[in-house]
PDB file of N, CA and C in Angstrom:
ATOM      1  N   MET A   1      57.816-111.639  76.268  1.00  0.00           N
ATOM      2  CA  MET A   1      56.531-112.284  76.367  1.00  0.00           C
ATOM      3  C   MET A   1      55.483-111.242  76.745  1.00  0.00           C
ATOM      4  N   LYS A   2      54.344-111.321  76.081  1.00  0.00           N
ATOM      5  CA  LYS A   2      53.233-110.428  76.380  1.00  0.00           C
ATOM      6  C   LYS A   2      52.126-111.231  77.045  1.00  0.00           C
ATOM      7  N   HIS A   3      51.492-110.627  78.060  1.00  0.00           N
ATOM      8  CA  HIS A   3      50.427-111.281  78.807  1.00  0.00           C
ATOM      9  C   HIS A   3      49.143-110.459  78.693  1.00  0.00           C
ATOM     10  N   PHE A   4      48.019-111.185  78.709  1.00  0.00           N
ATOM     11  CA  PHE A   4      46.710-110.545  78.605  1.00  0.00           C
ATOM     12  C   PHE A   4      45.735-111.226  79.549  1.00  0.00           C
ATOM     13  N   LEU A   5      44.862-110.425  80.146  1.00  0.00           N
ATOM     14  CA  LEU A   5      43.758-110.935  80.943  1.00  0.00           C
ATOM     15  C   LEU A   5      42.481-110.600  80.186  1.00  0.00           C
ATOM     16  N   ILE A   6      41.693-111.631  79.907  1.00  0.00           N
ATOM     17  CA  ILE A   6      40.403-111.455  79.257  1.00  0.00           C
ATOM     18  C   ILE A   6      39.353-111.767  80.323  1.00  0.00           C
ATOM     19  N   LYS A   7      38.448-110.845  80.555  1.00  0.00           N
ATOM     20  CA  LYS A   7      37.445-111.081  81.597  1.00  0.00           C
ATOM     21  C   LYS A   7      36.061-110.672  81.118  1.00  0.00           C
ATOM     22  N   TYR A   8      35.066-111.414  81.617  1.00  0.00           N
ATOM     23  CA  TYR A   8      33.669-111.161  81.263  1.00  0.00           C
ATOM     24  C   TYR A   8      32.771-111.972  82.193  1.00  0.00           C
ATOM     25  N   ARG A   9      31.506-111.669  82.152  1.00  0.00           N
ATOM     26  CA  ARG A   9      30.496-112.436  82.886  1.00  0.00           C
ATOM     27  C   ARG A   9      29.706-113.235  81.845  1.00  0.00           C
ATOM     28  N   PHE A  10      29.598-114.533  82.058  1.00  0.00           N
ATOM     29  CA  PHE A  10      28.842-115.397  81.157  1.00  0.00           C
ATOM     30  C   PHE A  10      27.366-115.046  81.270  1.00  0.00           C
ATOM     31  N   LYS A  11      26.717-114.778  80.122  1.00  0.00           N
ATOM     32  CA  LYS A  11      25.330-114.335  80.150  1.00  0.00           C
ATOM     33  C   LYS A  11      24.392-115.109  79.241  1.00  0.00           C
ATOM     34  N   ASP A  12      24.911-115.780  78.213  1.00  0.00           N
ATOM     35  CA  ASP A  12      24.017-116.333  77.204  1.00  0.00           C
ATOM     36  C   ASP A  12      24.448-117.723  76.766  1.00  0.00           C
ATOM     37  N   GLY A  13      23.531-118.688  76.879  1.00  0.00           N
ATOM     38  CA  GLY A  13      23.790-120.032  76.391  1.00  0.00           C
ATOM     39  C   GLY A  13      24.066-121.015  77.507  1.00  0.00           C
ATOM     40  N   SER A  14      24.576-122.170  77.109  1.00  0.00           N
ATOM     41  CA  SER A  14      24.893-123.248  78.022  1.00  0.00           C
ATOM     42  C   SER A  14      26.355-123.144  78.449  1.00  0.00           C
ATOM     43  N   GLU A  15      26.595-123.095  79.758  1.00  0.00           N
ATOM     44  CA  GLU A  15      27.981-123.036  80.230  1.00  0.00           C
ATOM     45  C   GLU A  15      28.745-124.303  79.862  1.00  0.00           C
ATOM     46  N   ALA A  16      28.083-125.439  79.870  1.00  0.00           N
ATOM     47  CA  ALA A  16      28.755-126.688  79.488  1.00  0.00           C
ATOM     48  C   ALA A  16      29.209-126.626  78.030  1.00  0.00           C
ATOM     49  N   ALA A  17      28.341-126.125  77.155  1.00  0.00           N
ATOM     50  CA  ALA A  17      28.706-125.985  75.741  1.00  0.00           C
ATOM     51  C   ALA A  17      29.830-124.964  75.576  1.00  0.00           C
ATOM     52  N   TRP A  18      29.803-123.902  76.371  1.00  0.00           N
ATOM     53  CA  TRP A  18      30.849-122.884  76.299  1.00  0.00           C
ATOM     54  C   TRP A  18      32.192-123.469  76.724  1.00  0.00           C
ATOM     55  N   ARG A  19      32.195-124.273  77.757  1.00  0.00           N
ATOM     56  CA  ARG A  19      33.442-124.895  78.211  1.00  0.00           C
ATOM     57  C   ARG A  19      33.993-125.846  77.152  1.00  0.00           C
ATOM     58  N   GLU A  20      33.103-126.526  76.452  1.00  0.00           N
ATOM     59  CA  GLU A  20      33.551-127.379  75.343  1.00  0.00           C
ATOM     60  C   GLU A  20      34.182-126.535  74.245  1.00  0.00           C
ATOM     61  N   GLN A  21      33.595-125.384  73.967  1.00  0.00           N
ATOM     62  CA  GLN A  21      34.130-124.468  72.953  1.00  0.00           C
ATOM     63  C   GLN A  21      35.527-123.995  73.358  1.00  0.00           C
ATOM     64  N   ILE A  22      35.704-123.672  74.621  1.00  0.00           N
ATOM     65  CA  ILE A  22      37.009-123.244  75.122  1.00  0.00           C
ATOM     66  C   ILE A  22      38.028-124.370  74.916  1.00  0.00           C
ATOM     67  N   GLY A  23      37.642-125.584  75.239  1.00  0.00           N
ATOM     68  CA  GLY A  23      38.521-126.734  75.047  1.00  0.00           C
ATOM     69  C   GLY A  23      38.908-126.930  73.594  1.00  0.00           C
ATOM     70  N   ARG A  24      37.954-126.732  72.684  1.00  0.00           N
ATOM     71  CA  ARG A  24      38.261-126.851  71.249  1.00  0.00           C
ATOM     72  C   ARG A  24      39.228-125.757  70.803  1.00  0.00           C
ATOM     73  N   PHE A  25      39.047-124.553  71.343  1.00  0.00           N
ATOM     74  CA  PHE A  25      39.970-123.463  71.000  1.00  0.00           C
ATOM     75  C   PHE A  25      41.390-123.810  71.449  1.00  0.00           C
ATOM     76  N   ILE A  26      41.534-124.258  72.681  1.00  0.00           N
ATOM     77  CA  ILE A  26      42.857-124.610  73.198  1.00  0.00           C
ATOM     78  C   ILE A  26      43.461-125.747  72.376  1.00  0.00           C
ATOM     79  N   ALA A  27      42.656-126.732  72.024  1.00  0.00           N
ATOM     80  CA  ALA A  27      43.145-127.842  71.196  1.00  0.00           C
ATOM     81  C   ALA A  27      43.615-127.339  69.832  1.00  0.00           C
ATOM     82  N   ALA A  28      42.904-126.371  69.257  1.00  0.00           N
ATOM     83  CA  ALA A  28      43.297-125.816  67.958  1.00  0.00           C
ATOM     84  C   ALA A  28      44.629-125.075  68.057  1.00  0.00           C
ATOM     85  N   VAL A  29      44.825-124.336  69.150  1.00  0.00           N
ATOM     86  CA  VAL A  29      46.108-123.642  69.357  1.00  0.00           C
ATOM     87  C   VAL A  29      47.229-124.667  69.444  1.00  0.00           C
ATOM     88  N   GLU A  30      47.009-125.708  70.228  1.00  0.00           N
ATOM     89  CA  GLU A  30      48.046-126.718  70.418  1.00  0.00           C
ATOM     90  C   GLU A  30      48.305-127.543  69.156  1.00  0.00           C
ATOM     91  N   ALA A  31      47.315-127.689  68.291  1.00  0.00           N
ATOM     92  CA  ALA A  31      47.468-128.453  67.057  1.00  0.00           C
ATOM     93  C   ALA A  31      48.140-127.646  65.946  1.00  0.00           C
ATOM     94  N   ASP A  32      48.213-126.345  66.129  1.00  0.00           N
ATOM     95  CA  ASP A  32      48.801-125.466  65.116  1.00  0.00           C
ATOM     96  C   ASP A  32      50.318-125.458  65.282  1.00  0.00           C
ATOM     97  N   ALA A  33      51.036-125.924  64.276  1.00  0.00           N
ATOM     98  CA  ALA A  33      52.501-126.055  64.366  1.00  0.00           C
ATOM     99  C   ALA A  33      53.189-124.715  64.618  1.00  0.00           C
ATOM    100  N   THR A  34      52.623-123.638  64.131  1.00  0.00           N
ATOM    101  CA  THR A  34      53.229-122.315  64.329  1.00  0.00           C
ATOM    102  C   THR A  34      52.987-121.791  65.742  1.00  0.00           C
ATOM    103  N   LEU A  35      51.844-122.126  66.328  1.00  0.00           N
ATOM    104  CA  LEU A  35      51.456-121.573  67.631  1.00  0.00           C
ATOM    105  C   LEU A  35      51.861-122.441  68.812  1.00  0.00           C
ATOM    106  N   ASN A  36      51.906-123.754  68.625  1.00  0.00           N
ATOM    107  CA  ASN A  36      52.177-124.670  69.730  1.00  0.00           C
ATOM    108  C   ASN A  36      53.519-124.342  70.375  1.00  0.00           C
ATOM    109  N   GLY A  37      53.485-124.137  71.689  1.00  0.00           N
ATOM    110  CA  GLY A  37      54.687-123.779  72.435  1.00  0.00           C
ATOM    111  C   GLY A  37      54.980-122.288  72.456  1.00  0.00           C
ATOM    112  N   ARG A  38      54.224-121.509  71.687  1.00  0.00           N
ATOM    113  CA  ARG A  38      54.443-120.058  71.634  1.00  0.00           C
ATOM    114  C   ARG A  38      53.273-119.268  72.204  1.00  0.00           C
ATOM    115  N   ILE A  39      52.158-119.958  72.466  1.00  0.00           N
ATOM    116  CA  ILE A  39      50.964-119.338  73.051  1.00  0.00           C
ATOM    117  C   ILE A  39      50.609-120.133  74.304  1.00  0.00           C
ATOM    118  N   SER A  40      50.442-119.444  75.411  1.00  0.00           N
ATOM    119  CA  SER A  40      49.956-120.055  76.646  1.00  0.00           C
ATOM    120  C   SER A  40      48.557-119.510  76.892  1.00  0.00           C
ATOM    121  N   TYR A  41      47.618-120.401  77.244  1.00  0.00           N
ATOM    122  CA  TYR A  41      46.237-119.967  77.411  1.00  0.00           C
ATOM    123  C   TYR A  41      45.593-120.764  78.533  1.00  0.00           C
ATOM    124  N   ARG A  42      45.021-120.077  79.482  1.00  0.00           N
ATOM    125  CA  ARG A  42      44.290-120.695  80.587  1.00  0.00           C
ATOM    126  C   ARG A  42      42.954-120.010  80.735  1.00  0.00           C
ATOM    127  N   CYS A  43      41.950-120.802  81.047  1.00  0.00           N
ATOM    128  CA  CYS A  43      40.629-120.247  81.325  1.00  0.00           C
ATOM    129  C   CYS A  43      40.240-120.652  82.727  1.00  0.00           C
ATOM    130  N   MET A  44      39.750-119.690  83.490  1.00  0.00           N
ATOM    131  CA  MET A  44      39.283-119.937  84.844  1.00  0.00           C
ATOM    132  C   MET A  44      37.915-119.296  85.029  1.00  0.00           C
ATOM    133  N   ARG A  45      37.150-119.877  85.938  1.00  0.00           N
ATOM    134  CA  ARG A  45      35.838-119.343  86.273  1.00  0.00           C
ATOM    135  C   ARG A  45      35.839-119.044  87.761  1.00  0.00           C
ATOM    136  N   ALA A  46      35.293-117.920  88.131  1.00  0.00           N
ATOM    137  CA  ALA A  46      35.172-117.595  89.558  1.00  0.00           C
ATOM    138  C   ALA A  46      34.349-118.686  90.225  1.00  0.00           C
ATOM    139  N   ASP A  47      34.795-119.128  91.370  1.00  0.00           N
ATOM    140  CA  ASP A  47      34.145-120.243  92.063  1.00  0.00           C
ATOM    141  C   ASP A  47      33.127-119.745  93.095  1.00  0.00           C
ATOM    142  N   ASN A  48      32.449-118.646  92.750  1.00  0.00           N
ATOM    143  CA  ASN A  48      31.489-118.065  93.688  1.00  0.00           C
ATOM    144  C   ASN A  48      30.083-117.955  93.087  1.00  0.00           C
ATOM    145  N   GLY A  49      29.870-118.589  91.924  1.00  0.00           N
ATOM    146  CA  GLY A  49      28.558-118.570  91.297  1.00  0.00           C
ATOM    147  C   GLY A  49      28.231-117.292  90.549  1.00  0.00           C
ATOM    148  N   SER A  50      29.205-116.414  90.380  1.00  0.00           N
ATOM    149  CA  SER A  50      28.951-115.118  89.742  1.00  0.00           C
ATOM    150  C   SER A  50      28.907-115.189  88.218  1.00  0.00           C
ATOM    151  N   GLY A  51      29.393-116.289  87.643  1.00  0.00           N
ATOM    152  CA  GLY A  51      29.447-116.390  86.188  1.00  0.00           C
ATOM    153  C   GLY A  51      30.621-115.647  85.579  1.00  0.00           C
ATOM    154  N   GLU A  52      31.543-115.188  86.410  1.00  0.00           N
ATOM    155  CA  GLU A  52      32.708-114.454  85.898  1.00  0.00           C
ATOM    156  C   GLU A  52      33.760-115.436  85.381  1.00  0.00           C
ATOM    157  N   TYR A  53      34.263-115.134  84.210  1.00  0.00           N
ATOM    158  CA  TYR A  53      35.318-115.926  83.592  1.00  0.00           C
ATOM    159  C   TYR A  53      36.549-115.051  83.410  1.00  0.00           C
ATOM    160  N   TYR A  54      37.702-115.696  83.555  1.00  0.00           N
ATOM    161  CA  TYR A  54      38.993-115.029  83.392  1.00  0.00           C
ATOM    162  C   TYR A  54      39.873-115.920  82.526  1.00  0.00           C
ATOM    163  N   HIS A  55      40.396-115.359  81.479  1.00  0.00           N
ATOM    164  CA  HIS A  55      41.303-116.094  80.605  1.00  0.00           C
ATOM    165  C   HIS A  55      42.658-115.395  80.689  1.00  0.00           C
ATOM    166  N   LEU A  56      43.702-116.179  80.891  1.00  0.00           N
ATOM    167  CA  LEU A  56      45.065-115.645  80.891  1.00  0.00           C
ATOM    168  C   LEU A  56      45.757-116.143  79.640  1.00  0.00           C
ATOM    169  N   ALA A  57      46.231-115.228  78.842  1.00  0.00           N
ATOM    170  CA  ALA A  57      46.913-115.574  77.603  1.00  0.00           C
ATOM    171  C   ALA A  57      48.297-114.936  77.617  1.00  0.00           C
ATOM    172  N   ALA A  58      49.244-115.643  77.035  1.00  0.00           N
ATOM    173  CA  ALA A  58      50.600-115.103  76.895  1.00  0.00           C
ATOM    174  C   ALA A  58      51.135-115.517  75.537  1.00  0.00           C
ATOM    175  N   THR A  59      51.813-114.604  74.894  1.00  0.00           N
ATOM    176  CA  THR A  59      52.436-114.891  73.610  1.00  0.00           C
ATOM    177  C   THR A  59      53.949-114.782  73.767  1.00  0.00           C
ATOM    178  N   ALA A  60      54.664-115.681  73.126  1.00  0.00           N
ATOM    179  CA  ALA A  60      56.118-115.694  73.221  1.00  0.00           C
ATOM    180  C   ALA A  60      56.731-114.450  72.588  1.00  0.00           C
ATOM    181  N   ASP A  61      56.082-113.927  71.556  1.00  0.00           N
ATOM    182  CA  ASP A  61      56.594-112.763  70.833  1.00  0.00           C
ATOM    183  C   ASP A  61      55.465-112.154  70.002  1.00  0.00           C
ATOM    184  N   ASP A  62      55.733-111.013  69.406  1.00  0.00           N
ATOM    185  CA  ASP A  62      54.703-110.336  68.607  1.00  0.00           C
ATOM    186  C   ASP A  62      54.238-111.183  67.430  1.00  0.00           C
ATOM    187  N   GLU A  63      55.161-111.925  66.822  1.00  0.00           N
ATOM    188  CA  GLU A  63      54.809-112.748  65.665  1.00  0.00           C
ATOM    189  C   GLU A  63      53.805-113.832  66.044  1.00  0.00           C
ATOM    190  N   ALA A  64      53.960-114.425  67.232  1.00  0.00           N
ATOM    191  CA  ALA A  64      53.011-115.449  67.686  1.00  0.00           C
ATOM    192  C   ALA A  64      51.625-114.847  67.860  1.00  0.00           C
ATOM    193  N   GLY A  65      51.553-113.667  68.435  1.00  0.00           N
ATOM    194  CA  GLY A  65      50.269-112.990  68.604  1.00  0.00           C
ATOM    195  C   GLY A  65      49.613-112.678  67.274  1.00  0.00           C
ATOM    196  N   LYS A  66      50.401-112.210  66.314  1.00  0.00           N
ATOM    197  CA  LYS A  66      49.869-111.913  64.981  1.00  0.00           C
ATOM    198  C   LYS A  66      49.399-113.177  64.289  1.00  0.00           C
ATOM    199  N   ALA A  67      50.170-114.249  64.430  1.00  0.00           N
ATOM    200  CA  ALA A  67      49.782-115.523  63.812  1.00  0.00           C
ATOM    201  C   ALA A  67      48.462-116.012  64.406  1.00  0.00           C
ATOM    202  N   LEU A  68      48.319-115.934  65.725  1.00  0.00           N
ATOM    203  CA  LEU A  68      47.072-116.355  66.374  1.00  0.00           C
ATOM    204  C   LEU A  68      45.899-115.541  65.851  1.00  0.00           C
ATOM    205  N   GLN A  69      46.058-114.237  65.799  1.00  0.00           N
ATOM    206  CA  GLN A  69      44.967-113.363  65.358  1.00  0.00           C
ATOM    207  C   GLN A  69      44.583-113.600  63.903  1.00  0.00           C
ATOM    208  N   SER A  70      45.465-114.187  63.114  1.00  0.00           N
ATOM    209  CA  SER A  70      45.169-114.442  61.706  1.00  0.00           C
ATOM    210  C   SER A  70      44.374-115.725  61.488  1.00  0.00           C
ATOM    211  N   ARG A  71      44.265-116.562  62.509  1.00  0.00           N
ATOM    212  CA  ARG A  71      43.608-117.855  62.359  1.00  0.00           C
ATOM    213  C   ARG A  71      42.087-117.714  62.410  1.00  0.00           C
ATOM    214  N   ASP A  72      41.415-118.453  61.521  1.00  0.00           N
ATOM    215  CA  ASP A  72      39.953-118.421  61.493  1.00  0.00           C
ATOM    216  C   ASP A  72      39.367-118.912  62.814  1.00  0.00           C
ATOM    217  N   PHE A  73      39.988-119.925  63.435  1.00  0.00           N
ATOM    218  CA  PHE A  73      39.445-120.434  64.703  1.00  0.00           C
ATOM    219  C   PHE A  73      39.540-119.391  65.805  1.00  0.00           C
ATOM    220  N   PHE A  74      40.535-118.507  65.766  1.00  0.00           N
ATOM    221  CA  PHE A  74      40.641-117.420  66.745  1.00  0.00           C
ATOM    222  C   PHE A  74      39.523-116.401  66.515  1.00  0.00           C
ATOM    223  N   LYS A  75      39.303-116.050  65.273  1.00  0.00           N
ATOM    224  CA  LYS A  75      38.253-115.075  64.952  1.00  0.00           C
ATOM    225  C   LYS A  75      36.880-115.587  65.380  1.00  0.00           C
ATOM    226  N   ALA A  76      36.602-116.862  65.112  1.00  0.00           N
ATOM    227  CA  ALA A  76      35.311-117.441  65.503  1.00  0.00           C
ATOM    228  C   ALA A  76      35.178-117.491  67.024  1.00  0.00           C
ATOM    229  N   TYR A  77      36.247-117.855  67.716  1.00  0.00           N
ATOM    230  CA  TYR A  77      36.239-117.935  69.179  1.00  0.00           C
ATOM    231  C   TYR A  77      36.032-116.553  69.795  1.00  0.00           C
ATOM    232  N   THR A  78      36.663-115.550  69.239  1.00  0.00           N
ATOM    233  CA  THR A  78      36.511-114.181  69.726  1.00  0.00           C
ATOM    234  C   THR A  78      35.060-113.715  69.586  1.00  0.00           C
ATOM    235  N   GLU A  79      34.457-114.013  68.453  1.00  0.00           N
ATOM    236  CA  GLU A  79      33.059-113.630  68.245  1.00  0.00           C
ATOM    237  C   GLU A  79      32.136-114.366  69.203  1.00  0.00           C
ATOM    238  N   GLU A  80      32.408-115.653  69.443  1.00  0.00           N
ATOM    239  CA  GLU A  80      31.575-116.426  70.359  1.00  0.00           C
ATOM    240  C   GLU A  80      31.744-115.923  71.792  1.00  0.00           C
ATOM    241  N   THR A  81      32.959-115.505  72.152  1.00  0.00           N
ATOM    242  CA  THR A  81      33.191-114.945  73.486  1.00  0.00           C
ATOM    243  C   THR A  81      32.361-113.672  73.663  1.00  0.00           C
ATOM    244  N   LYS A  82      32.336-112.842  72.644  1.00  0.00           N
ATOM    245  CA  LYS A  82      31.513-111.628  72.706  1.00  0.00           C
ATOM    246  C   LYS A  82      30.038-111.982  72.874  1.00  0.00           C
ATOM    247  N   ARG A  83      29.605-113.007  72.148  1.00  0.00           N
ATOM    248  CA  ARG A  83      28.195-113.391  72.210  1.00  0.00           C
ATOM    249  C   ARG A  83      27.813-113.900  73.597  1.00  0.00           C
ATOM    250  N   VAL A  84      28.579-114.847  74.145  1.00  0.00           N
ATOM    251  CA  VAL A  84      28.194-115.438  75.433  1.00  0.00           C
ATOM    252  C   VAL A  84      28.303-114.442  76.582  1.00  0.00           C
ATOM    253  N   SER A  85      29.078-113.376  76.369  1.00  0.00           N
ATOM    254  CA  SER A  85      29.235-112.367  77.417  1.00  0.00           C
ATOM    255  C   SER A  85      28.267-111.198  77.258  1.00  0.00           C
ATOM    256  N   GLY A  86      27.463-111.239  76.219  1.00  0.00           N
ATOM    257  CA  GLY A  86      26.587-110.099  75.963  1.00  0.00           C
ATOM    258  C   GLY A  86      27.364-108.858  75.561  1.00  0.00           C
ATOM    259  N   GLY A  87      28.538-109.069  74.988  1.00  0.00           N
ATOM    260  CA  GLY A  87      29.362-107.951  74.507  1.00  0.00           C
ATOM    261  C   GLY A  87      30.155-107.251  75.591  1.00  0.00           C
ATOM    262  N   THR A  88      30.371-107.901  76.721  1.00  0.00           N
ATOM    263  CA  THR A  88      31.037-107.230  77.848  1.00  0.00           C
ATOM    264  C   THR A  88      32.484-107.680  78.065  1.00  0.00           C
ATOM    265  N   VAL A  89      33.139-108.168  77.037  1.00  0.00           N
ATOM    266  CA  VAL A  89      34.506-108.674  77.163  1.00  0.00           C
ATOM    267  C   VAL A  89      35.483-107.519  77.365  1.00  0.00           C
ATOM    268  N   GLU A  90      36.363-107.680  78.343  1.00  0.00           N
ATOM    269  CA  GLU A  90      37.467-106.738  78.552  1.00  0.00           C
ATOM    270  C   GLU A  90      38.770-107.479  78.310  1.00  0.00           C
ATOM    271  N   VAL A  91      39.652-106.895  77.522  1.00  0.00           N
ATOM    272  CA  VAL A  91      40.982-107.460  77.295  1.00  0.00           C
ATOM    273  C   VAL A  91      41.989-106.457  77.843  1.00  0.00           C
ATOM    274  N   LEU A  92      42.739-106.900  78.859  1.00  0.00           N
ATOM    275  CA  LEU A  92      43.694-106.021  79.521  1.00  0.00           C
ATOM    276  C   LEU A  92      45.114-106.517  79.289  1.00  0.00           C
ATOM    277  N   PRO A  93      45.962-105.736  78.627  1.00  0.00           N
ATOM    278  CA  PRO A  93      47.371-106.114  78.544  1.00  0.00           C
ATOM    279  C   PRO A  93      47.976-106.003  79.941  1.00  0.00           C
ATOM    280  N   LEU A  94      48.802-106.958  80.299  1.00  0.00           N
ATOM    281  CA  LEU A  94      49.424-106.979  81.630  1.00  0.00           C
ATOM    282  C   LEU A  94      50.934-106.860  81.504  1.00  0.00           C
ATOM    283  N   ALA A  95      51.536-106.205  82.469  1.00  0.00           N
ATOM    284  CA  ALA A  95      52.987-106.122  82.565  1.00  0.00           C
ATOM    285  C   ALA A  95      53.411-106.742  83.877  1.00  0.00           C
ATOM    286  N   ILE A  96      54.309-107.695  83.822  1.00  0.00           N
ATOM    287  CA  ILE A  96      54.802-108.335  85.049  1.00  0.00           C
ATOM    288  C   ILE A  96      55.702-107.342  85.793  1.00  0.00           C
ATOM    289  N   VAL A  97      55.410-107.160  87.056  1.00  0.00           N
ATOM    290  CA  VAL A  97      56.196-106.285  87.915  1.00  0.00           C
ATOM    291  C   VAL A  97      57.221-107.110  88.688  1.00  0.00           C
ATOM    292  N   ALA A  98      56.791-108.263  89.184  1.00  0.00           N
ATOM    293  CA  ALA A  98      57.678-109.171  89.902  1.00  0.00           C
ATOM    294  C   ALA A  98      57.024-110.536  89.914  1.00  0.00           C
ATOM    295  N   GLU A  99      57.814-111.591  90.098  1.00  0.00           N
ATOM    296  CA  GLU A  99      57.257-112.929  90.122  1.00  0.00           C
ATOM    297  C   GLU A  99      58.189-113.896  90.833  1.00  0.00           C
ATOM    298  N   THR A 100      57.638-115.009  91.264  1.00  0.00           N
ATOM    299  CA  THR A 100      58.456-116.056  91.880  1.00  0.00           C
ATOM    300  C   THR A 100      59.165-116.832  90.760  1.00  0.00           C
ATOM    301  N   SER A 101      60.148-117.600  91.134  1.00  0.00           N
ATOM    302  CA  SER A 101      60.837-118.405  90.136  1.00  0.00           C
ATOM    303  C   SER A 101      60.063-119.670  89.803  1.00  0.00           C
ATOM    304  N   ALA A 102      59.211-120.141  90.707  1.00  0.00           N
ATOM    305  CA  ALA A 102      58.434-121.347  90.482  1.00  0.00           C
ATOM    306  C   ALA A 102      57.266-121.056  89.563  1.00  0.00           C
ATOM    307  N   ARG A 103      57.016-121.962  88.618  1.00  0.00           N
ATOM    308  CA  ARG A 103      55.888-121.854  87.716  1.00  0.00           C
ATOM    309  C   ARG A 103      55.157-123.188  87.711  1.00  0.00           C
ATOM    310  N   PRO A 104      54.225-123.388  88.659  1.00  0.00           N
ATOM    311  CA  PRO A 104      53.518-124.685  88.774  1.00  0.00           C
ATOM    312  C   PRO A 104      52.664-124.989  87.569  1.00  0.00           C
TER     313      PRO A 104
END
């Protein structure tokens, strides 16, 4: 499994509309028979008023990641993420060093 942290500061547009867009993206992933169950995606916002957003994504395997990247809805979402962040998106691949057995 591969994990990624996507981080940026929201800068442009309506945050409510952006959250709806995020929800539509997640719904599209879950509706895709090839991706459902193979892609995990969470979006969080810093609760300090800074406008910082953090997305945690995980792919079950390389093929799932490639399939996601091939989807038009992924390409559109990626472009919109760049737009709302003013082009400041960082995508960091993560490697798990250690973890608990519980996954809430």
